[in-house]
Every structure is written in structure tokens, then in C-alpha cells.
Amino acid sequence: MIRDVTIGQYYPADSILHRLDPRVKLVGTFLFIISLFLFRSFFGYILVFLFFASIIGLSKVPLRFIMRGMKAVVV
């Protein structure tokens, strides 16, 4: 069961996001979390979803790996 938890695990890939400075990634994560609480409309949540989907695409991490990590959150 503990092996299935992939949230926060590093996935080695050669992407733009992997080459970013860690401080930029940390600030970006905080801004993303804050935006989740600031948006109160359906349109805002669609924007957040599209942004999240584009970040996943840029990261070149397989969607299967990400979905396996989300399994623990959904339960």
C-alpha cells in the first residue's frame, strides 16, 4: 500500500520544469495553491484545471504515474 503513494516522489525526466530553479518551483506551487482558494466561480476552476493540465504536459511525467498518486487523495 505504501508503495502506491507517489505524491511528492521525484520522477526523473528531461523537461523545462525539471530544469527550473527550485525556488521558482516552490513559489509557483504556493501561487497555485493560493489561486485555488481565491477563485470562487466555475470559470476560475476551469482556468486552474487548464493550467494544471498544461503543467502536467510540460513536465513529461506519464499520466499513469500521476493518476496512481492521486488514488490516495481520491479515497
PDB file of N, CA and C in Angstrom:
ATOM      1  N   MET A   1       0.824  -1.196   0.000  1.00  0.00           N
ATOM      2  CA  MET A   1       0.000   0.000   0.000  1.00  0.00           C
ATOM      3  C   MET A   1       0.865   1.255   0.000  1.00  0.00           C
ATOM      4  N   ILE A   2       1.898   1.275   0.815  1.00  0.00           N
ATOM      5  CA  ILE A   2       2.733   2.476   0.904  1.00  0.00           C
ATOM      6  C   ILE A   2       3.517   2.700  -0.394  1.00  0.00           C
ATOM      7  N   ARG A   3       3.746   1.654  -1.161  1.00  0.00           N
ATOM      8  CA  ARG A   3       4.465   1.811  -2.426  1.00  0.00           C
ATOM      9  C   ARG A   3       3.613   2.513  -3.476  1.00  0.00           C
ATOM     10  N   ASP A   4       2.283   2.463  -3.292  1.00  0.00           N
ATOM     11  CA  ASP A   4       1.386   3.090  -4.256  1.00  0.00           C
ATOM     12  C   ASP A   4       1.305   4.596  -4.093  1.00  0.00           C
ATOM     13  N   VAL A   5       1.759   5.125  -2.961  1.00  0.00           N
ATOM     14  CA  VAL A   5       1.694   6.564  -2.724  1.00  0.00           C
ATOM     15  C   VAL A   5       2.863   7.218  -3.447  1.00  0.00           C
ATOM     16  N   THR A   6       2.531   7.965  -4.506  1.00  0.00           N
ATOM     17  CA  THR A   6       3.580   8.576  -5.316  1.00  0.00           C
ATOM     18  C   THR A   6       3.590  10.094  -5.193  1.00  0.00           C
ATOM     19  N   ILE A   7       2.750  10.656  -4.332  1.00  0.00           N
ATOM     20  CA  ILE A   7       2.700  12.112  -4.190  1.00  0.00           C
ATOM     21  C   ILE A   7       4.017  12.596  -3.598  1.00  0.00           C
ATOM     22  N   GLY A   8       4.637  13.519  -4.271  1.00  0.00           N
ATOM     23  CA  GLY A   8       5.891  14.076  -3.786  1.00  0.00           C
ATOM     24  C   GLY A   8       7.131  13.319  -4.216  1.00  0.00           C
ATOM     25  N   GLN A   9       6.963  12.192  -4.869  1.00  0.00           N
ATOM     26  CA  GLN A   9       8.128  11.445  -5.330  1.00  0.00           C
ATOM     27  C   GLN A   9       8.702  12.106  -6.578  1.00  0.00           C
ATOM     28  N   TYR A  10      10.010  12.039  -6.693  1.00  0.00           N
ATOM     29  CA  TYR A  10      10.687  12.603  -7.856  1.00  0.00           C
ATOM     30  C   TYR A  10      10.601  11.618  -9.009  1.00  0.00           C
ATOM     31  N   TYR A  11      10.210  12.113 -10.161  1.00  0.00           N
ATOM     32  CA  TYR A  11      10.199  11.302 -11.366  1.00  0.00           C
ATOM     33  C   TYR A  11      11.234  11.896 -12.313  1.00  0.00           C
ATOM     34  N   PRO A  12      12.298  11.147 -12.620  1.00  0.00           N
ATOM     35  CA  PRO A  12      13.354  11.698 -13.472  1.00  0.00           C
ATOM     36  C   PRO A  12      12.878  11.858 -14.921  1.00  0.00           C
ATOM     37  N   ALA A  13      12.926  13.073 -15.392  1.00  0.00           N
ATOM     38  CA  ALA A  13      12.567  13.370 -16.782  1.00  0.00           C
ATOM     39  C   ALA A  13      13.339  14.612 -17.208  1.00  0.00           C
ATOM     40  N   ASP A  14      13.486  14.769 -18.504  1.00  0.00           N
ATOM     41  CA  ASP A  14      14.180  15.937 -19.034  1.00  0.00           C
ATOM     42  C   ASP A  14      13.130  16.893 -19.587  1.00  0.00           C
ATOM     43  N   SER A  15      12.710  17.838 -18.746  1.00  0.00           N
ATOM     44  CA  SER A  15      11.687  18.796 -19.167  1.00  0.00           C
ATOM     45  C   SER A  15      12.064  20.200 -18.697  1.00  0.00           C
ATOM     46  N   ILE A  16      11.310  21.150 -19.175  1.00  0.00           N
ATOM     47  CA  ILE A  16      11.535  22.546 -18.784  1.00  0.00           C
ATOM     48  C   ILE A  16      11.343  22.697 -17.285  1.00  0.00           C
ATOM     49  N   LEU A  17      10.305  22.061 -16.750  1.00  0.00           N
ATOM     50  CA  LEU A  17      10.016  22.192 -15.324  1.00  0.00           C
ATOM     51  C   LEU A  17      11.091  21.555 -14.454  1.00  0.00           C
ATOM     52  N   HIS A  18      11.668  20.460 -14.909  1.00  0.00           N
ATOM     53  CA  HIS A  18      12.713  19.793 -14.131  1.00  0.00           C
ATOM     54  C   HIS A  18      13.988  20.631 -14.073  1.00  0.00           C
ATOM     55  N   ARG A  19      14.200  21.467 -15.083  1.00  0.00           N
ATOM     56  CA  ARG A  19      15.409  22.290 -15.112  1.00  0.00           C
ATOM     57  C   ARG A  19      15.246  23.622 -14.392  1.00  0.00           C
ATOM     58  N   LEU A  20      14.034  23.951 -13.963  1.00  0.00           N
ATOM     59  CA  LEU A  20      13.814  25.220 -13.262  1.00  0.00           C
ATOM     60  C   LEU A  20      14.519  25.236 -11.902  1.00  0.00           C
ATOM     61  N   ASP A  21      14.825  26.431 -11.443  1.00  0.00           N
ATOM     62  CA  ASP A  21      15.387  26.614 -10.119  1.00  0.00           C
ATOM     63  C   ASP A  21      14.357  26.172  -9.073  1.00  0.00           C
ATOM     64  N   PRO A  22      14.775  25.472  -8.023  1.00  0.00           N
ATOM     65  CA  PRO A  22      13.822  25.002  -7.007  1.00  0.00           C
ATOM     66  C   PRO A  22      13.012  26.122  -6.360  1.00  0.00           C
ATOM     67  N   ARG A  23      13.601  27.304  -6.230  1.00  0.00           N
ATOM     68  CA  ARG A  23      12.855  28.424  -5.629  1.00  0.00           C
ATOM     69  C   ARG A  23      11.702  28.855  -6.511  1.00  0.00           C
ATOM     70  N   VAL A  24      11.899  28.812  -7.817  1.00  0.00           N
ATOM     71  CA  VAL A  24      10.831  29.169  -8.750  1.00  0.00           C
ATOM     72  C   VAL A  24       9.696  28.144  -8.647  1.00  0.00           C
ATOM     73  N   LYS A  25      10.042  26.873  -8.535  1.00  0.00           N
ATOM     74  CA  LYS A  25       9.024  25.837  -8.403  1.00  0.00           C
ATOM     75  C   LYS A  25       8.263  25.970  -7.090  1.00  0.00           C
ATOM     76  N   LEU A  26       8.944  26.326  -6.030  1.00  0.00           N
ATOM     77  CA  LEU A  26       8.301  26.489  -4.725  1.00  0.00           C
ATOM     78  C   LEU A  26       7.334  27.673  -4.735  1.00  0.00           C
ATOM     79  N   VAL A  27       7.767  28.804  -5.268  1.00  0.00           N
ATOM     80  CA  VAL A  27       6.889  29.979  -5.358  1.00  0.00           C
ATOM     81  C   VAL A  27       5.707  29.680  -6.274  1.00  0.00           C
ATOM     82  N   GLY A  28       5.941  28.996  -7.379  1.00  0.00           N
ATOM     83  CA  GLY A  28       4.853  28.634  -8.289  1.00  0.00           C
ATOM     84  C   GLY A  28       3.829  27.727  -7.625  1.00  0.00           C
ATOM     85  N   THR A  29       4.296  26.800  -6.806  1.00  0.00           N
ATOM     86  CA  THR A  29       3.389  25.915  -6.086  1.00  0.00           C
ATOM     87  C   THR A  29       2.539  26.699  -5.104  1.00  0.00           C
ATOM     88  N   PHE A  30       3.139  27.622  -4.362  1.00  0.00           N
ATOM     89  CA  PHE A  30       2.387  28.440  -3.419  1.00  0.00           C
ATOM     90  C   PHE A  30       1.352  29.302  -4.143  1.00  0.00           C
ATOM     91  N   LEU A  31       1.732  29.884  -5.266  1.00  0.00           N
ATOM     92  CA  LEU A  31       0.789  30.703  -6.027  1.00  0.00           C
ATOM     93  C   LEU A  31      -0.373  29.862  -6.559  1.00  0.00           C
ATOM     94  N   PHE A  32      -0.084  28.649  -6.971  1.00  0.00           N
ATOM     95  CA  PHE A  32      -1.136  27.754  -7.457  1.00  0.00           C
ATOM     96  C   PHE A  32      -2.110  27.413  -6.333  1.00  0.00           C
ATOM     97  N   ILE A  33      -1.594  27.097  -5.154  1.00  0.00           N
ATOM     98  CA  ILE A  33      -2.454  26.757  -4.014  1.00  0.00           C
ATOM     99  C   ILE A  33      -3.296  27.963  -3.603  1.00  0.00           C
ATOM    100  N   ILE A  34      -2.703  29.142  -3.574  1.00  0.00           N
ATOM    101  CA  ILE A  34      -3.447  30.350  -3.216  1.00  0.00           C
ATOM    102  C   ILE A  34      -4.539  30.620  -4.244  1.00  0.00           C
ATOM    103  N   SER A  35      -4.248  30.388  -5.516  1.00  0.00           N
ATOM    104  CA  SER A  35      -5.260  30.626  -6.556  1.00  0.00           C
ATOM    105  C   SER A  35      -6.457  29.691  -6.384  1.00  0.00           C
ATOM    106  N   LEU A  36      -6.222  28.487  -5.873  1.00  0.00           N
ATOM    107  CA  LEU A  36      -7.341  27.571  -5.644  1.00  0.00           C
ATOM    108  C   LEU A  36      -8.336  28.148  -4.638  1.00  0.00           C
ATOM    109  N   PHE A  37      -7.851  28.881  -3.656  1.00  0.00           N
ATOM    110  CA  PHE A  37      -8.724  29.452  -2.647  1.00  0.00           C
ATOM    111  C   PHE A  37      -9.329  30.788  -3.074  1.00  0.00           C
ATOM    112  N   LEU A  38      -8.715  31.466  -4.011  1.00  0.00           N
ATOM    113  CA  LEU A  38      -9.217  32.768  -4.439  1.00  0.00           C
ATOM    114  C   LEU A  38     -10.327  32.662  -5.473  1.00  0.00           C
ATOM    115  N   PHE A  39     -10.271  31.664  -6.332  1.00  0.00           N
ATOM    116  CA  PHE A  39     -11.311  31.500  -7.346  1.00  0.00           C
ATOM    117  C   PHE A  39     -12.583  30.977  -6.709  1.00  0.00           C
ATOM    118  N   ARG A  40     -13.694  31.612  -7.049  1.00  0.00           N
ATOM    119  CA  ARG A  40     -14.978  31.192  -6.490  1.00  0.00           C
ATOM    120  C   ARG A  40     -16.002  30.868  -7.585  1.00  0.00           C
ATOM    121  N   SER A  41     -15.596  30.936  -8.824  1.00  0.00           N
ATOM    122  CA  SER A  41     -16.538  30.674  -9.906  1.00  0.00           C
ATOM    123  C   SER A  41     -16.122  29.414 -10.664  1.00  0.00           C
ATOM    124  N   PHE A  42     -17.071  28.899 -11.421  1.00  0.00           N
ATOM    125  CA  PHE A  42     -16.806  27.724 -12.242  1.00  0.00           C
ATOM    126  C   PHE A  42     -15.737  28.032 -13.284  1.00  0.00           C
ATOM    127  N   PHE A  43     -15.771  29.222 -13.849  1.00  0.00           N
ATOM    128  CA  PHE A  43     -14.781  29.636 -14.844  1.00  0.00           C
ATOM    129  C   PHE A  43     -13.377  29.662 -14.239  1.00  0.00           C
ATOM    130  N   GLY A  44     -13.265  30.103 -12.996  1.00  0.00           N
ATOM    131  CA  GLY A  44     -11.968  30.114 -12.311  1.00  0.00           C
ATOM    132  C   GLY A  44     -11.404  28.721 -12.138  1.00  0.00           C
ATOM    133  N   TYR A  45     -12.285  27.786 -11.779  1.00  0.00           N
ATOM    134  CA  TYR A  45     -11.831  26.407 -11.611  1.00  0.00           C
ATOM    135  C   TYR A  45     -11.436  25.771 -12.941  1.00  0.00           C
ATOM    136  N   ILE A  46     -12.090  26.169 -13.999  1.00  0.00           N
ATOM    137  CA  ILE A  46     -11.697  25.677 -15.328  1.00  0.00           C
ATOM    138  C   ILE A  46     -10.304  26.194 -15.680  1.00  0.00           C
ATOM    139  N   LEU A  47     -10.047  27.469 -15.373  1.00  0.00           N
ATOM    140  CA  LEU A  47      -8.709  28.028 -15.611  1.00  0.00           C
ATOM    141  C   LEU A  47      -7.642  27.279 -14.815  1.00  0.00           C
ATOM    142  N   VAL A  48      -7.940  26.992 -13.553  1.00  0.00           N
ATOM    143  CA  VAL A  48      -6.985  26.252 -12.718  1.00  0.00           C
ATOM    144  C   VAL A  48      -6.751  24.860 -13.292  1.00  0.00           C
ATOM    145  N   PHE A  49      -7.814  24.193 -13.739  1.00  0.00           N
ATOM    146  CA  PHE A  49      -7.676  22.861 -14.318  1.00  0.00           C
ATOM    147  C   PHE A  49      -6.830  22.899 -15.596  1.00  0.00           C
ATOM    148  N   LEU A  50      -7.071  23.887 -16.447  1.00  0.00           N
ATOM    149  CA  LEU A  50      -6.292  24.003 -17.684  1.00  0.00           C
ATOM    150  C   LEU A  50      -4.819  24.297 -17.391  1.00  0.00           C
ATOM    151  N   PHE A  51      -4.576  25.135 -16.397  1.00  0.00           N
ATOM    152  CA  PHE A  51      -3.198  25.417 -16.002  1.00  0.00           C
ATOM    153  C   PHE A  51      -2.527  24.150 -15.482  1.00  0.00           C
ATOM    154  N   PHE A  52      -3.228  23.416 -14.627  1.00  0.00           N
ATOM    155  CA  PHE A  52      -2.685  22.177 -14.064  1.00  0.00           C
ATOM    156  C   PHE A  52      -2.412  21.149 -15.164  1.00  0.00           C
ATOM    157  N   ALA A  53      -3.327  21.036 -16.118  1.00  0.00           N
ATOM    158  CA  ALA A  53      -3.133  20.103 -17.232  1.00  0.00           C
ATOM    159  C   ALA A  53      -1.936  20.502 -18.087  1.00  0.00           C
ATOM    160  N   SER A  54      -1.740  21.803 -18.290  1.00  0.00           N
ATOM    161  CA  SER A  54      -0.590  22.238 -19.089  1.00  0.00           C
ATOM    162  C   SER A  54       0.725  21.988 -18.344  1.00  0.00           C
ATOM    163  N   ILE A  55       0.735  22.149 -17.036  1.00  0.00           N
ATOM    164  CA  ILE A  55       1.935  21.860 -16.247  1.00  0.00           C
ATOM    165  C   ILE A  55       2.267  20.374 -16.306  1.00  0.00           C
ATOM    166  N   ILE A  56       1.245  19.534 -16.243  1.00  0.00           N
ATOM    167  CA  ILE A  56       1.474  18.084 -16.358  1.00  0.00           C
ATOM    168  C   ILE A  56       2.062  17.769 -17.728  1.00  0.00           C
ATOM    169  N   GLY A  57       1.544  18.404 -18.767  1.00  0.00           N
ATOM    170  CA  GLY A  57       2.076  18.179 -20.118  1.00  0.00           C
ATOM    171  C   GLY A  57       3.510  18.644 -20.259  1.00  0.00           C
ATOM    172  N   LEU A  58       3.834  19.782 -19.659  1.00  0.00           N
ATOM    173  CA  LEU A  58       5.202  20.298 -19.741  1.00  0.00           C
ATOM    174  C   LEU A  58       6.194  19.457 -18.940  1.00  0.00           C
ATOM    175  N   SER A  59       5.711  18.789 -17.911  1.00  0.00           N
ATOM    176  CA  SER A  59       6.617  18.041 -17.038  1.00  0.00           C
ATOM    177  C   SER A  59       7.102  16.735 -17.657  1.00  0.00           C
ATOM    178  N   LYS A  60       6.390  16.246 -18.662  1.00  0.00           N
ATOM    179  CA  LYS A  60       6.721  14.986 -19.331  1.00  0.00           C
ATOM    180  C   LYS A  60       6.685  13.794 -18.380  1.00  0.00           C
ATOM    181  N   VAL A  61       5.904  13.905 -17.312  1.00  0.00           N
ATOM    182  CA  VAL A  61       5.678  12.786 -16.398  1.00  0.00           C
ATOM    183  C   VAL A  61       4.458  12.047 -16.926  1.00  0.00           C
ATOM    184  N   PRO A  62       4.531  10.713 -17.028  1.00  0.00           N
ATOM    185  CA  PRO A  62       3.396   9.959 -17.568  1.00  0.00           C
ATOM    186  C   PRO A  62       2.127  10.155 -16.733  1.00  0.00           C
ATOM    187  N   LEU A  63       1.012  10.271 -17.421  1.00  0.00           N
ATOM    188  CA  LEU A  63      -0.266  10.475 -16.745  1.00  0.00           C
ATOM    189  C   LEU A  63      -0.593   9.300 -15.821  1.00  0.00           C
ATOM    190  N   ARG A  64      -0.175   8.116 -16.185  1.00  0.00           N
ATOM    191  CA  ARG A  64      -0.409   6.935 -15.342  1.00  0.00           C
ATOM    192  C   ARG A  64       0.273   7.084 -13.984  1.00  0.00           C
ATOM    193  N   PHE A  65       1.475   7.625 -13.955  1.00  0.00           N
ATOM    194  CA  PHE A  65       2.205   7.842 -12.713  1.00  0.00           C
ATOM    195  C   PHE A  65       1.475   8.867 -11.838  1.00  0.00           C
ATOM    196  N   ILE A  66       0.960   9.912 -12.452  1.00  0.00           N
ATOM    197  CA  ILE A  66       0.250  10.954 -11.713  1.00  0.00           C
ATOM    198  C   ILE A  66      -1.070  10.417 -11.172  1.00  0.00           C
ATOM    199  N   MET A  67      -1.806   9.660 -11.985  1.00  0.00           N
ATOM    200  CA  MET A  67      -3.084   9.112 -11.540  1.00  0.00           C
ATOM    201  C   MET A  67      -2.912   8.100 -10.405  1.00  0.00           C
ATOM    202  N   ARG A  68      -1.813   7.373 -10.430  1.00  0.00           N
ATOM    203  CA  ARG A  68      -1.543   6.427  -9.338  1.00  0.00           C
ATOM    204  C   ARG A  68      -1.330   7.182  -8.033  1.00  0.00           C
ATOM    205  N   GLY A  69      -0.709   8.340  -8.095  1.00  0.00           N
ATOM    206  CA  GLY A  69      -0.516   9.143  -6.906  1.00  0.00           C
ATOM    207  C   GLY A  69      -1.792   9.801  -6.413  1.00  0.00           C
ATOM    208  N   MET A  70      -2.704  10.100  -7.331  1.00  0.00           N
ATOM    209  CA  MET A  70      -3.963  10.734  -6.959  1.00  0.00           C
ATOM    210  C   MET A  70      -4.948   9.746  -6.320  1.00  0.00           C
ATOM    211  N   LYS A  71      -4.683   8.465  -6.461  1.00  0.00           N
ATOM    212  CA  LYS A  71      -5.571   7.444  -5.907  1.00  0.00           C
ATOM    213  C   LYS A  71      -5.731   7.619  -4.396  1.00  0.00           C
ATOM    214  N   ALA A  72      -4.659   7.940  -3.697  1.00  0.00           N
ATOM    215  CA  ALA A  72      -4.729   8.113  -2.252  1.00  0.00           C
ATOM    216  C   ALA A  72      -5.528   9.352  -1.878  1.00  0.00           C
ATOM    217  N   VAL A  73      -5.500  10.393  -2.699  1.00  0.00           N
ATOM    218  CA  VAL A  73      -6.234  11.620  -2.429  1.00  0.00           C
ATOM    219  C   VAL A  73      -7.727  11.416  -2.645  1.00  0.00           C
ATOM    220  N   VAL A  74      -8.084  10.673  -3.675  1.00  0.00           N
ATOM    221  CA  VAL A  74      -9.483  10.445  -4.015  1.00  0.00           C
ATOM    222  C   VAL A  74     -10.180   9.642  -2.925  1.00  0.00           C
ATOM    223  N   VAL A  75      -9.481   8.659  -2.382  1.00  0.00           N
ATOM    224  CA  VAL A  75     -10.079   7.827  -1.329  1.00  0.00           C
ATOM    225  C   VAL A  75     -10.276   8.674  -0.106  1.00  0.00           C
TER     226      VAL A  75
END
